[in-house]
PDB file of all heavy atoms in Angstrom:
ATOM      1  N   LEU A   1      48.922  73.736 165.887  1.00  0.00           N
ATOM      2  CA  LEU A   1      50.183  73.714 166.613  1.00  0.00           C
ATOM      3  C   LEU A   1      50.786  72.238 166.716  1.00  0.00           C
ATOM      4  O   LEU A   1      51.972  72.041 166.435  1.00  0.00           O
ATOM      5  CB  LEU A   1      50.033  74.406 167.926  1.00  0.00           C
ATOM      6  CG  LEU A   1      51.358  74.473 168.809  1.00  0.00           C
ATOM      7  CD1 LEU A   1      52.470  75.359 168.027  1.00  0.00           C
ATOM      8  CD2 LEU A   1      51.188  75.092 170.155  1.00  0.00           C
ATOM      9  N   ALA A   2      49.848  71.402 166.956  1.00  0.00           N
ATOM     10  CA  ALA A   2      50.350  70.007 167.184  1.00  0.00           C
ATOM     11  C   ALA A   2      50.945  69.397 165.903  1.00  0.00           C
ATOM     12  O   ALA A   2      51.976  68.703 165.816  1.00  0.00           O
ATOM     13  CB  ALA A   2      49.249  69.096 167.638  1.00  0.00           C
ATOM     14  N   GLN A   3      50.339  69.690 164.754  1.00  0.00           N
ATOM     15  CA  GLN A   3      50.748  69.221 163.412  1.00  0.00           C
ATOM     16  C   GLN A   3      51.958  69.900 163.001  1.00  0.00           C
ATOM     17  O   GLN A   3      52.923  69.324 162.430  1.00  0.00           O
ATOM     18  CB  GLN A   3      49.628  69.430 162.353  1.00  0.00           C
ATOM     19  CG  GLN A   3      49.990  68.720 161.091  1.00  0.00           C
ATOM     20  CD  GLN A   3      50.111  67.094 161.204  1.00  0.00           C
ATOM     21  OE1 GLN A   3      49.517  66.546 161.990  1.00  0.00           O
ATOM     22  NE2 GLN A   3      50.977  66.597 160.361  1.00  0.00           N
ATOM     23  N   ALA A   4      52.043  71.260 163.333  1.00  0.00           N
ATOM     24  CA  ALA A   4      53.347  71.891 162.873  1.00  0.00           C
ATOM     25  C   ALA A   4      54.488  71.403 163.705  1.00  0.00           C
ATOM     26  O   ALA A   4      55.628  71.202 163.290  1.00  0.00           O
ATOM     27  CB  ALA A   4      53.202  73.450 163.200  1.00  0.00           C
ATOM     28  N   LEU A   5      54.332  71.138 165.019  1.00  0.00           N
ATOM     29  CA  LEU A   5      55.308  70.540 165.753  1.00  0.00           C
ATOM     30  C   LEU A   5      55.724  69.191 165.458  1.00  0.00           C
ATOM     31  O   LEU A   5      56.902  68.723 165.474  1.00  0.00           O
ATOM     32  CB  LEU A   5      54.938  70.363 167.329  1.00  0.00           C
ATOM     33  CG  LEU A   5      54.787  71.727 168.110  1.00  0.00           C
ATOM     34  CD1 LEU A   5      54.167  71.617 169.457  1.00  0.00           C
ATOM     35  CD2 LEU A   5      56.235  72.417 168.387  1.00  0.00           C
ATOM     36  N   HIS A   6      54.725  68.371 164.930  1.00  0.00           N
ATOM     37  CA  HIS A   6      55.064  67.044 164.358  1.00  0.00           C
ATOM     38  C   HIS A   6      55.935  67.081 163.073  1.00  0.00           C
ATOM     39  O   HIS A   6      56.904  66.384 162.980  1.00  0.00           O
ATOM     40  CB  HIS A   6      53.797  66.436 164.080  1.00  0.00           C
ATOM     41  CG  HIS A   6      53.886  64.985 163.593  1.00  0.00           C
ATOM     42  ND1 HIS A   6      54.266  63.899 164.375  1.00  0.00           N
ATOM     43  CD2 HIS A   6      53.624  64.445 162.312  1.00  0.00           C
ATOM     44  CE1 HIS A   6      54.325  62.754 163.745  1.00  0.00           C
ATOM     45  NE2 HIS A   6      53.936  63.058 162.388  1.00  0.00           N
ATOM     46  N   PHE A   7      55.647  67.952 162.284  1.00  0.00           N
ATOM     47  CA  PHE A   7      56.483  68.227 160.957  1.00  0.00           C
ATOM     48  C   PHE A   7      57.809  68.712 161.373  1.00  0.00           C
ATOM     49  O   PHE A   7      58.811  68.218 160.896  1.00  0.00           O
ATOM     50  CB  PHE A   7      55.805  69.224 160.085  1.00  0.00           C
ATOM     51  CG  PHE A   7      54.709  68.665 159.190  1.00  0.00           C
ATOM     52  CD1 PHE A   7      53.764  69.535 158.555  1.00  0.00           C
ATOM     53  CD2 PHE A   7      54.502  67.342 159.163  1.00  0.00           C
ATOM     54  CE1 PHE A   7      52.759  68.966 157.836  1.00  0.00           C
ATOM     55  CE2 PHE A   7      53.460  66.774 158.452  1.00  0.00           C
ATOM     56  CZ  PHE A   7      52.674  67.617 157.784  1.00  0.00           C
ATOM     57  N   GLN A   8      57.923  69.586 162.404  1.00  0.00           N
ATOM     58  CA  GLN A   8      59.200  70.070 162.703  1.00  0.00           C
ATOM     59  C   GLN A   8      60.140  69.000 163.454  1.00  0.00           C
ATOM     60  O   GLN A   8      61.249  68.919 163.154  1.00  0.00           O
ATOM     61  CB  GLN A   8      59.023  71.211 163.847  1.00  0.00           C
ATOM     62  CG  GLN A   8      60.264  71.904 164.238  1.00  0.00           C
ATOM     63  CD  GLN A   8      60.135  72.979 165.223  1.00  0.00           C
ATOM     64  OE1 GLN A   8      59.532  72.723 166.279  1.00  0.00           O
ATOM     65  NE2 GLN A   8      60.757  74.236 164.955  1.00  0.00           N
ATOM     66  N   ALA A   9      59.477  68.064 164.257  1.00  0.00           N
ATOM     67  CA  ALA A   9      60.202  67.077 164.866  1.00  0.00           C
ATOM     68  C   ALA A   9      60.873  66.036 163.814  1.00  0.00           C
ATOM     69  O   ALA A   9      61.851  65.384 164.068  1.00  0.00           O
ATOM     70  CB  ALA A   9      59.315  66.265 165.781  1.00  0.00           C
ATOM     71  N   ARG A  10      60.120  65.974 162.658  1.00  0.00           N
ATOM     72  CA  ARG A  10      60.506  64.980 161.666  1.00  0.00           C
ATOM     73  C   ARG A  10      61.439  65.559 160.634  1.00  0.00           C
ATOM     74  O   ARG A  10      61.878  64.860 159.615  1.00  0.00           O
ATOM     75  CB  ARG A  10      59.313  64.342 161.114  1.00  0.00           C
ATOM     76  CG  ARG A  10      58.977  63.048 161.666  1.00  0.00           C
ATOM     77  CD  ARG A  10      57.497  62.772 161.783  1.00  0.00           C
ATOM     78  NE  ARG A  10      57.436  61.485 162.381  1.00  0.00           N
ATOM     79  CZ  ARG A  10      57.684  61.354 163.822  1.00  0.00           C
ATOM     80  NH1 ARG A  10      58.001  62.447 164.565  1.00  0.00           N
ATOM     81  NH2 ARG A  10      57.523  60.183 164.471  1.00  0.00           N
ATOM     82  N   GLU A  11      61.673  66.881 160.647  1.00  0.00           N
ATOM     83  CA  GLU A  11      62.561  67.586 159.721  1.00  0.00           C
ATOM     84  C   GLU A  11      64.118  67.360 160.104  1.00  0.00           C
ATOM     85  O   GLU A  11      64.474  67.815 161.238  1.00  0.00           O
ATOM     86  CB  GLU A  11      62.209  68.994 159.596  1.00  0.00           C
ATOM     87  CG  GLU A  11      63.213  69.752 158.684  1.00  0.00           C
ATOM     88  CD  GLU A  11      63.291  69.215 157.299  1.00  0.00           C
ATOM     89  OE1 GLU A  11      62.197  69.192 156.580  1.00  0.00           O
ATOM     90  OE2 GLU A  11      64.373  68.838 156.887  1.00  0.00           O
ATOM     91  N   PRO A  12      64.878  66.619 159.324  1.00  0.00           N
ATOM     92  CA  PRO A  12      66.222  66.235 159.664  1.00  0.00           C
ATOM     93  C   PRO A  12      67.181  67.501 159.545  1.00  0.00           C
ATOM     94  O   PRO A  12      68.216  67.535 160.177  1.00  0.00           O
ATOM     95  CB  PRO A  12      66.631  65.110 158.723  1.00  0.00           C
ATOM     96  CG  PRO A  12      65.746  65.338 157.541  1.00  0.00           C
ATOM     97  CD  PRO A  12      64.518  65.859 158.121  1.00  0.00           C
ATOM     98  N   ASP A  13      66.736  68.365 158.552  1.00  0.00           N
ATOM     99  CA  ASP A  13      67.605  69.518 158.286  1.00  0.00           C
ATOM    100  C   ASP A  13      67.504  70.666 159.257  1.00  0.00           C
ATOM    101  O   ASP A  13      66.332  71.130 159.398  1.00  0.00           O
ATOM    102  CB  ASP A  13      67.356  70.045 156.825  1.00  0.00           C
ATOM    103  CG  ASP A  13      68.400  71.074 156.404  1.00  0.00           C
ATOM    104  OD1 ASP A  13      68.906  71.812 157.327  1.00  0.00           O
ATOM    105  OD2 ASP A  13      68.581  71.302 155.265  1.00  0.00           O
ATOM    106  N   PRO A  14      68.480  71.053 160.107  1.00  0.00           N
ATOM    107  CA  PRO A  14      68.267  71.947 161.161  1.00  0.00           C
ATOM    108  C   PRO A  14      67.835  73.334 160.680  1.00  0.00           C
ATOM    109  O   PRO A  14      67.040  73.984 161.270  1.00  0.00           O
ATOM    110  CB  PRO A  14      69.685  72.117 161.783  1.00  0.00           C
ATOM    111  CG  PRO A  14      70.333  70.785 161.493  1.00  0.00           C
ATOM    112  CD  PRO A  14      69.827  70.416 160.148  1.00  0.00           C
ATOM    113  N   GLU A  15      68.328  73.773 159.479  1.00  0.00           N
ATOM    114  CA  GLU A  15      67.833  75.088 158.910  1.00  0.00           C
ATOM    115  C   GLU A  15      66.467  74.969 158.487  1.00  0.00           C
ATOM    116  O   GLU A  15      65.655  76.031 158.766  1.00  0.00           O
ATOM    117  CB  GLU A  15      68.776  75.451 157.715  1.00  0.00           C
ATOM    118  CG  GLU A  15      68.494  76.729 157.253  1.00  0.00           C
ATOM    119  CD  GLU A  15      69.578  77.371 156.345  1.00  0.00           C
ATOM    120  OE1 GLU A  15      70.447  76.511 155.952  1.00  0.00           O
ATOM    121  OE2 GLU A  15      69.599  78.541 155.920  1.00  0.00           O
ATOM    122  N   LYS A  16      65.970  73.909 157.892  1.00  0.00           N
ATOM    123  CA  LYS A  16      64.522  73.723 157.520  1.00  0.00           C
ATOM    124  C   LYS A  16      63.741  73.633 158.764  1.00  0.00           C
ATOM    125  O   LYS A  16      62.566  73.992 158.656  1.00  0.00           O
ATOM    126  CB  LYS A  16      64.512  72.580 156.574  1.00  0.00           C
ATOM    127  CG  LYS A  16      65.006  72.796 155.145  1.00  0.00           C
ATOM    128  CD  LYS A  16      64.824  71.558 154.280  1.00  0.00           C
ATOM    129  CE  LYS A  16      65.468  71.810 152.862  1.00  0.00           C
ATOM    130  NZ  LYS A  16      65.245  70.569 152.067  1.00  0.00           N
ATOM    131  N   ARG A  17      64.348  72.993 159.784  1.00  0.00           N
ATOM    132  CA  ARG A  17      63.579  72.887 161.092  1.00  0.00           C
ATOM    133  C   ARG A  17      63.318  74.294 161.655  1.00  0.00           C
ATOM    134  O   ARG A  17      62.264  74.449 162.278  1.00  0.00           O
ATOM    135  CB  ARG A  17      64.247  71.987 161.916  1.00  0.00           C
ATOM    136  CG  ARG A  17      63.426  71.552 163.178  1.00  0.00           C
ATOM    137  CD  ARG A  17      64.127  70.349 163.792  1.00  0.00           C
ATOM    138  NE  ARG A  17      65.364  70.594 164.228  1.00  0.00           N
ATOM    139  CZ  ARG A  17      66.558  70.074 163.983  1.00  0.00           C
ATOM    140  NH1 ARG A  17      66.522  69.155 163.045  1.00  0.00           N
ATOM    141  NH2 ARG A  17      67.691  70.418 164.458  1.00  0.00           N
ATOM    142  N   GLN A  18      64.231  75.212 161.519  1.00  0.00           N
ATOM    143  CA  GLN A  18      64.018  76.471 161.981  1.00  0.00           C
ATOM    144  C   GLN A  18      63.009  77.268 161.291  1.00  0.00           C
ATOM    145  O   GLN A  18      62.106  77.905 162.007  1.00  0.00           O
ATOM    146  CB  GLN A  18      65.416  77.243 161.943  1.00  0.00           C
ATOM    147  CG  GLN A  18      65.427  78.653 162.605  1.00  0.00           C
ATOM    148  CD  GLN A  18      66.585  79.457 162.348  1.00  0.00           C
ATOM    149  OE1 GLN A  18      67.322  79.198 161.509  1.00  0.00           O
ATOM    150  NE2 GLN A  18      66.817  80.447 163.240  1.00  0.00           N
ATOM    151  N   PHE A  19      62.951  77.170 159.934  1.00  0.00           N
ATOM    152  CA  PHE A  19      61.855  77.877 159.137  1.00  0.00           C
ATOM    153  C   PHE A  19      61.146  76.834 158.454  1.00  0.00           C
ATOM    154  O   PHE A  19      61.503  76.422 157.258  1.00  0.00           O
ATOM    155  CB  PHE A  19      62.423  78.891 158.259  1.00  0.00           C
ATOM    156  CG  PHE A  19      63.134  80.038 158.912  1.00  0.00           C
ATOM    157  CD1 PHE A  19      64.465  80.142 159.213  1.00  0.00           C
ATOM    158  CD2 PHE A  19      62.184  81.120 159.416  1.00  0.00           C
ATOM    159  CE1 PHE A  19      64.973  81.273 159.853  1.00  0.00           C
ATOM    160  CE2 PHE A  19      62.854  82.222 160.025  1.00  0.00           C
ATOM    161  CZ  PHE A  19      64.202  82.254 160.245  1.00  0.00           C
ATOM    162  N   LEU A  20      60.146  76.306 158.985  1.00  0.00           N
ATOM    163  CA  LEU A  20      59.298  75.093 158.461  1.00  0.00           C
ATOM    164  C   LEU A  20      58.392  75.479 157.390  1.00  0.00           C
ATOM    165  O   LEU A  20      57.639  76.417 157.539  1.00  0.00           O
ATOM    166  CB  LEU A  20      58.531  74.446 159.733  1.00  0.00           C
ATOM    167  CG  LEU A  20      57.862  73.201 159.431  1.00  0.00           C
ATOM    168  CD1 LEU A  20      58.894  72.090 159.293  1.00  0.00           C
ATOM    169  CD2 LEU A  20      56.940  72.870 160.651  1.00  0.00           C
ATOM    170  N   ARG A  21      58.587  74.761 156.234  1.00  0.00           N
ATOM    171  CA  ARG A  21      57.677  75.084 155.221  1.00  0.00           C
ATOM    172  C   ARG A  21      56.589  73.933 155.079  1.00  0.00           C
ATOM    173  O   ARG A  21      56.864  72.707 155.141  1.00  0.00           O
ATOM    174  CB  ARG A  21      58.531  74.999 153.837  1.00  0.00           C
ATOM    175  CG  ARG A  21      57.578  75.244 152.540  1.00  0.00           C
ATOM    176  CD  ARG A  21      58.383  75.238 151.304  1.00  0.00           C
ATOM    177  NE  ARG A  21      59.365  76.357 151.314  1.00  0.00           N
ATOM    178  CZ  ARG A  21      58.958  77.616 150.856  1.00  0.00           C
ATOM    179  NH1 ARG A  21      57.704  77.767 150.500  1.00  0.00           N
ATOM    180  NH2 ARG A  21      59.921  78.570 150.855  1.00  0.00           N
ATOM    181  N   ILE A  22      55.300  74.405 155.033  1.00  0.00           N
ATOM    182  CA  ILE A  22      54.222  73.445 155.027  1.00  0.00           C
ATOM    183  C   ILE A  22      53.373  73.756 153.800  1.00  0.00           C
ATOM    184  O   ILE A  22      53.065  74.974 153.455  1.00  0.00           O
ATOM    185  CB  ILE A  22      53.357  73.454 156.279  1.00  0.00           C
ATOM    186  CG1 ILE A  22      52.782  74.811 156.540  1.00  0.00           C
ATOM    187  CG2 ILE A  22      54.198  72.985 157.435  1.00  0.00           C
ATOM    188  CD1 ILE A  22      51.847  74.859 157.640  1.00  0.00           C
ATOM    189  N   LYS A  23      52.948  72.739 153.020  1.00  0.00           N
ATOM    190  CA  LYS A  23      51.953  72.875 151.965  1.00  0.00           C
ATOM    191  C   LYS A  23      50.468  72.937 152.689  1.00  0.00           C
ATOM    192  O   LYS A  23      50.111  72.193 153.459  1.00  0.00           O
ATOM    193  CB  LYS A  23      52.087  71.640 151.030  1.00  0.00           C
ATOM    194  CG  LYS A  23      53.471  71.658 150.253  1.00  0.00           C
ATOM    195  CD  LYS A  23      53.268  72.721 149.081  1.00  0.00           C
ATOM    196  CE  LYS A  23      54.504  72.521 148.302  1.00  0.00           C
ATOM    197  NZ  LYS A  23      54.580  73.343 147.000  1.00  0.00           N
ATOM    198  N   VAL A  24      49.697  73.773 152.096  1.00  0.00           N
ATOM    199  CA  VAL A  24      48.426  74.091 152.814  1.00  0.00           C
ATOM    200  C   VAL A  24      47.503  72.893 152.672  1.00  0.00           C
ATOM    201  O   VAL A  24      47.037  72.390 153.652  1.00  0.00           O
ATOM    202  CB  VAL A  24      47.690  75.279 152.055  1.00  0.00           C
ATOM    203  CG1 VAL A  24      46.300  75.451 152.674  1.00  0.00           C
ATOM    204  CG2 VAL A  24      48.471  76.607 152.358  1.00  0.00           C
ATOM    205  N   LYS A  25      47.259  72.330 151.545  1.00  0.00           N
ATOM    206  CA  LYS A  25      46.322  71.264 151.433  1.00  0.00           C
ATOM    207  C   LYS A  25      46.680  70.002 152.218  1.00  0.00           C
ATOM    208  O   LYS A  25      45.900  69.458 152.904  1.00  0.00           O
ATOM    209  CB  LYS A  25      46.095  70.971 149.851  1.00  0.00           C
ATOM    210  CG  LYS A  25      45.197  71.885 149.227  1.00  0.00           C
ATOM    211  CD  LYS A  25      44.767  71.430 147.841  1.00  0.00           C
ATOM    212  CE  LYS A  25      43.857  72.473 147.210  1.00  0.00           C
ATOM    213  NZ  LYS A  25      43.373  72.060 145.809  1.00  0.00           N
ATOM    214  N   PRO A  26      47.950  69.471 151.948  1.00  0.00           N
ATOM    215  CA  PRO A  26      48.311  68.310 152.808  1.00  0.00           C
ATOM    216  C   PRO A  26      48.361  68.594 154.376  1.00  0.00           C
ATOM    217  O   PRO A  26      47.918  67.635 155.128  1.00  0.00           O
ATOM    218  CB  PRO A  26      49.823  68.071 152.327  1.00  0.00           C
ATOM    219  CG  PRO A  26      49.857  68.631 151.062  1.00  0.00           C
ATOM    220  CD  PRO A  26      49.071  69.790 151.095  1.00  0.00           C
ATOM    221  N   PHE A  27      48.569  69.908 154.695  1.00  0.00           N
ATOM    222  CA  PHE A  27      48.611  70.181 156.234  1.00  0.00           C
ATOM    223  C   PHE A  27      47.207  70.119 156.691  1.00  0.00           C
ATOM    224  O   PHE A  27      46.838  69.534 157.659  1.00  0.00           O
ATOM    225  CB  PHE A  27      49.191  71.574 156.366  1.00  0.00           C
ATOM    226  CG  PHE A  27      49.317  71.949 157.784  1.00  0.00           C
ATOM    227  CD1 PHE A  27      50.425  71.664 158.500  1.00  0.00           C
ATOM    228  CD2 PHE A  27      48.196  72.619 158.504  1.00  0.00           C
ATOM    229  CE1 PHE A  27      50.649  71.907 159.865  1.00  0.00           C
ATOM    230  CE2 PHE A  27      48.414  72.874 159.912  1.00  0.00           C
ATOM    231  CZ  PHE A  27      49.619  72.688 160.517  1.00  0.00           C
ATOM    232  N   LEU A  28      46.237  70.703 155.898  1.00  0.00           N
ATOM    233  CA  LEU A  28      44.808  70.715 156.241  1.00  0.00           C
ATOM    234  C   LEU A  28      44.264  69.312 156.406  1.00  0.00           C
ATOM    235  O   LEU A  28      43.466  68.856 157.163  1.00  0.00           O
ATOM    236  CB  LEU A  28      43.971  71.516 155.408  1.00  0.00           C
ATOM    237  CG  LEU A  28      44.050  73.054 155.508  1.00  0.00           C
ATOM    238  CD1 LEU A  28      43.421  73.802 154.342  1.00  0.00           C
ATOM    239  CD2 LEU A  28      43.577  73.470 156.879  1.00  0.00           C
ATOM    240  N   ALA A  29      44.582  68.405 155.350  1.00  0.00           N
ATOM    241  CA  ALA A  29      44.265  66.962 155.309  1.00  0.00           C
ATOM    242  C   ALA A  29      44.656  66.307 156.659  1.00  0.00           C
ATOM    243  O   ALA A  29      44.005  65.487 157.192  1.00  0.00           O
ATOM    244  CB  ALA A  29      44.738  66.294 154.139  1.00  0.00           C
ATOM    245  N   ALA A  30      45.880  66.666 157.053  1.00  0.00           N
ATOM    246  CA  ALA A  30      46.562  65.962 158.229  1.00  0.00           C
ATOM    247  C   ALA A  30      45.870  66.256 159.461  1.00  0.00           C
ATOM    248  O   ALA A  30      45.861  65.523 160.490  1.00  0.00           O
ATOM    249  CB  ALA A  30      48.012  66.257 158.325  1.00  0.00           C
ATOM    250  N   ILE A  31      45.029  67.431 159.436  1.00  0.00           N
ATOM    251  CA  ILE A  31      44.331  67.728 160.657  1.00  0.00           C
ATOM    252  C   ILE A  31      42.847  67.486 160.576  1.00  0.00           C
ATOM    253  O   ILE A  31      41.984  68.017 161.370  1.00  0.00           O
ATOM    254  CB  ILE A  31      44.544  69.174 161.240  1.00  0.00           C
ATOM    255  CG1 ILE A  31      44.211  70.210 160.169  1.00  0.00           C
ATOM    256  CG2 ILE A  31      46.056  69.294 161.655  1.00  0.00           C
ATOM    257  CD1 ILE A  31      44.378  71.715 160.576  1.00  0.00           C
ATOM    258  N   GLY A  32      42.463  66.857 159.446  1.00  0.00           N
ATOM    259  CA  GLY A  32      41.078  66.490 159.209  1.00  0.00           C
ATOM    260  C   GLY A  32      40.182  67.608 158.689  1.00  0.00           C
ATOM    261  O   GLY A  32      38.928  67.636 158.881  1.00  0.00           O
ATOM    262  N   ARG A  33      40.703  68.519 158.022  1.00  0.00           N
ATOM    263  CA  ARG A  33      40.023  69.633 157.395  1.00  0.00           C
ATOM    264  C   ARG A  33      40.057  69.691 155.862  1.00  0.00           C
ATOM    265  O   ARG A  33      40.992  69.178 155.277  1.00  0.00           O
ATOM    266  CB  ARG A  33      40.498  70.954 157.986  1.00  0.00           C
ATOM    267  CG  ARG A  33      40.139  71.154 159.478  1.00  0.00           C
ATOM    268  CD  ARG A  33      40.416  72.485 159.918  1.00  0.00           C
ATOM    269  NE  ARG A  33      40.031  72.746 161.323  1.00  0.00           N
ATOM    270  CZ  ARG A  33      38.862  73.244 161.665  1.00  0.00           C
ATOM    271  NH1 ARG A  33      38.053  73.799 160.776  1.00  0.00           N
ATOM    272  NH2 ARG A  33      38.508  73.418 162.927  1.00  0.00           N
ATOM    273  N   GLN A  34      39.053  70.286 155.250  1.00  0.00           N
ATOM    274  CA  GLN A  34      38.965  70.422 153.855  1.00  0.00           C
ATOM    275  C   GLN A  34      39.990  71.414 153.318  1.00  0.00           C
ATOM    276  O   GLN A  34      40.246  72.367 153.986  1.00  0.00           O
ATOM    277  CB  GLN A  34      37.619  70.682 153.375  1.00  0.00           C
ATOM    278  CG  GLN A  34      36.465  69.610 153.792  1.00  0.00           C
ATOM    279  CD  GLN A  34      36.789  68.296 153.063  1.00  0.00           C
ATOM    280  OE1 GLN A  34      37.108  68.235 151.865  1.00  0.00           O
ATOM    281  NE2 GLN A  34      36.627  67.274 153.847  1.00  0.00           N
ATOM    282  N   GLY A  35      40.461  71.272 152.099  1.00  0.00           N
ATOM    283  CA  GLY A  35      41.442  72.187 151.557  1.00  0.00           C
ATOM    284  C   GLY A  35      40.828  73.184 150.586  1.00  0.00           C
ATOM    285  O   GLY A  35      41.655  73.846 149.904  1.00  0.00           O
ATOM    286  N   GLY A  36      39.469  73.464 150.797  1.00  0.00           N
ATOM    287  CA  GLY A  36      38.894  74.550 149.990  1.00  0.00           C
ATOM    288  C   GLY A  36      39.162  75.916 150.501  1.00  0.00           C
ATOM    289  O   GLY A  36      40.106  76.152 151.454  1.00  0.00           O
ATOM    290  N   LYS A  37      38.554  76.865 149.945  1.00  0.00           N
ATOM    291  CA  LYS A  37      38.832  78.328 150.319  1.00  0.00           C
ATOM    292  C   LYS A  37      38.578  78.518 151.794  1.00  0.00           C
ATOM    293  O   LYS A  37      39.382  79.326 152.405  1.00  0.00           O
ATOM    294  CB  LYS A  37      37.955  79.225 149.412  1.00  0.00           C
ATOM    295  CG  LYS A  37      38.165  80.725 149.708  1.00  0.00           C
ATOM    296  CD  LYS A  37      37.280  81.630 148.861  1.00  0.00           C
ATOM    297  CE  LYS A  37      37.601  83.121 149.175  1.00  0.00           C
ATOM    298  NZ  LYS A  37      36.727  83.937 148.316  1.00  0.00           N
ATOM    299  N   SER A  38      37.409  78.086 152.323  1.00  0.00           N
ATOM    300  CA  SER A  38      37.159  78.309 153.666  1.00  0.00           C
ATOM    301  C   SER A  38      38.176  77.633 154.570  1.00  0.00           C
ATOM    302  O   SER A  38      38.624  78.311 155.605  1.00  0.00           O
ATOM    303  CB  SER A  38      35.729  77.837 154.024  1.00  0.00           C
ATOM    304  OG  SER A  38      35.690  76.390 153.913  1.00  0.00           O
ATOM    305  N   GLY A  39      38.686  76.508 154.278  1.00  0.00           N
ATOM    306  CA  GLY A  39      39.743  75.798 155.025  1.00  0.00           C
ATOM    307  C   GLY A  39      41.029  76.647 154.962  1.00  0.00           C
ATOM    308  O   GLY A  39      41.777  76.736 155.998  1.00  0.00           O
ATOM    309  N   ARG A  40      41.361  77.091 153.774  1.00  0.00           N
ATOM    310  CA  ARG A  40      42.617  77.956 153.722  1.00  0.00           C
ATOM    311  C   ARG A  40      42.542  79.236 154.477  1.00  0.00           C
ATOM    312  O   ARG A  40      43.580  79.577 155.138  1.00  0.00           O
ATOM    313  CB  ARG A  40      42.920  78.279 152.210  1.00  0.00           C
ATOM    314  CG  ARG A  40      43.127  76.955 151.391  1.00  0.00           C
ATOM    315  CD  ARG A  40      43.642  77.419 150.025  1.00  0.00           C
ATOM    316  NE  ARG A  40      42.852  78.265 149.250  1.00  0.00           N
ATOM    317  CZ  ARG A  40      41.904  77.898 148.355  1.00  0.00           C
ATOM    318  NH1 ARG A  40      41.745  76.564 148.183  1.00  0.00           N
ATOM    319  NH2 ARG A  40      41.170  78.786 147.769  1.00  0.00           N
ATOM    320  N   GLU A  41      41.374  79.907 154.477  1.00  0.00           N
ATOM    321  CA  GLU A  41      41.237  81.164 155.302  1.00  0.00           C
ATOM    322  C   GLU A  41      41.371  80.820 156.759  1.00  0.00           C
ATOM    323  O   GLU A  41      41.832  81.617 157.484  1.00  0.00           O
ATOM    324  CB  GLU A  41      39.906  81.797 154.831  1.00  0.00           C
ATOM    325  CG  GLU A  41      39.978  82.517 153.472  1.00  0.00           C
ATOM    326  CD  GLU A  41      41.079  83.564 153.411  1.00  0.00           C
ATOM    327  OE1 GLU A  41      41.250  84.341 154.327  1.00  0.00           O
ATOM    328  OE2 GLU A  41      41.773  83.444 152.439  1.00  0.00           O
ATOM    329  N   TRP A  42      40.654  79.751 157.176  1.00  0.00           N
ATOM    330  CA  TRP A  42      40.638  79.305 158.544  1.00  0.00           C
ATOM    331  C   TRP A  42      42.012  79.029 159.067  1.00  0.00           C
ATOM    332  O   TRP A  42      42.479  79.485 160.158  1.00  0.00           O
ATOM    333  CB  TRP A  42      39.798  78.014 158.787  1.00  0.00           C
ATOM    334  CG  TRP A  42      39.899  77.566 160.103  1.00  0.00           C
ATOM    335  CD1 TRP A  42      39.176  77.865 161.255  1.00  0.00           C
ATOM    336  CD2 TRP A  42      40.831  76.569 160.521  1.00  0.00           C
ATOM    337  NE1 TRP A  42      39.638  77.232 162.330  1.00  0.00           N
ATOM    338  CE2 TRP A  42      40.606  76.374 161.996  1.00  0.00           C
ATOM    339  CE3 TRP A  42      41.825  75.804 159.947  1.00  0.00           C
ATOM    340  CZ2 TRP A  42      41.422  75.627 162.745  1.00  0.00           C
ATOM    341  CZ3 TRP A  42      42.610  74.914 160.786  1.00  0.00           C
ATOM    342  CH2 TRP A  42      42.376  74.780 162.147  1.00  0.00           C
ATOM    343  N   LEU A  43      42.903  78.435 158.240  1.00  0.00           N
ATOM    344  CA  LEU A  43      44.285  78.184 158.595  1.00  0.00           C
ATOM    345  C   LEU A  43      45.056  79.392 158.785  1.00  0.00           C
ATOM    346  O   LEU A  43      45.824  79.578 159.710  1.00  0.00           O
ATOM    347  CB  LEU A  43      44.881  77.188 157.456  1.00  0.00           C
ATOM    348  CG  LEU A  43      46.496  76.895 157.763  1.00  0.00           C
ATOM    349  CD1 LEU A  43      46.650  76.239 159.133  1.00  0.00           C
ATOM    350  CD2 LEU A  43      46.996  76.028 156.593  1.00  0.00           C
ATOM    351  N   LYS A  44      44.837  80.329 157.925  1.00  0.00           N
ATOM    352  CA  LYS A  44      45.676  81.683 158.025  1.00  0.00           C
ATOM    353  C   LYS A  44      45.175  82.297 159.314  1.00  0.00           C
ATOM    354  O   LYS A  44      45.934  82.992 160.025  1.00  0.00           O
ATOM    355  CB  LYS A  44      45.286  82.553 156.654  1.00  0.00           C
ATOM    356  CG  LYS A  44      46.082  83.837 156.815  1.00  0.00           C
ATOM    357  CD  LYS A  44      45.961  84.559 155.472  1.00  0.00           C
ATOM    358  CE  LYS A  44      46.677  83.949 154.305  1.00  0.00           C
ATOM    359  NZ  LYS A  44      46.680  84.760 153.104  1.00  0.00           N
ATOM    360  N   ASP A  45      43.812  82.324 159.664  1.00  0.00           N
ATOM    361  CA  ASP A  45      43.419  82.952 160.890  1.00  0.00           C
ATOM    362  C   ASP A  45      44.029  82.324 162.093  1.00  0.00           C
ATOM    363  O   ASP A  45      44.329  82.994 163.083  1.00  0.00           O
ATOM    364  CB  ASP A  45      41.810  83.010 160.932  1.00  0.00           C
ATOM    365  CG  ASP A  45      41.184  83.919 159.894  1.00  0.00           C
ATOM    366  OD1 ASP A  45      41.934  84.908 159.628  1.00  0.00           O
ATOM    367  OD2 ASP A  45      39.991  83.793 159.640  1.00  0.00           O
TER     368      ASP A  45
END
């Protein structure tokens, strides 16, 4: 939630801020997690 809020706060486009798009691997890296299968499943959960 903290990282999603951070990305949202830095999105200048109001429409993109409403529906925020995040790439899985960079997002996981930003919160200190690996981008493998287990990390991707954990993020979805």
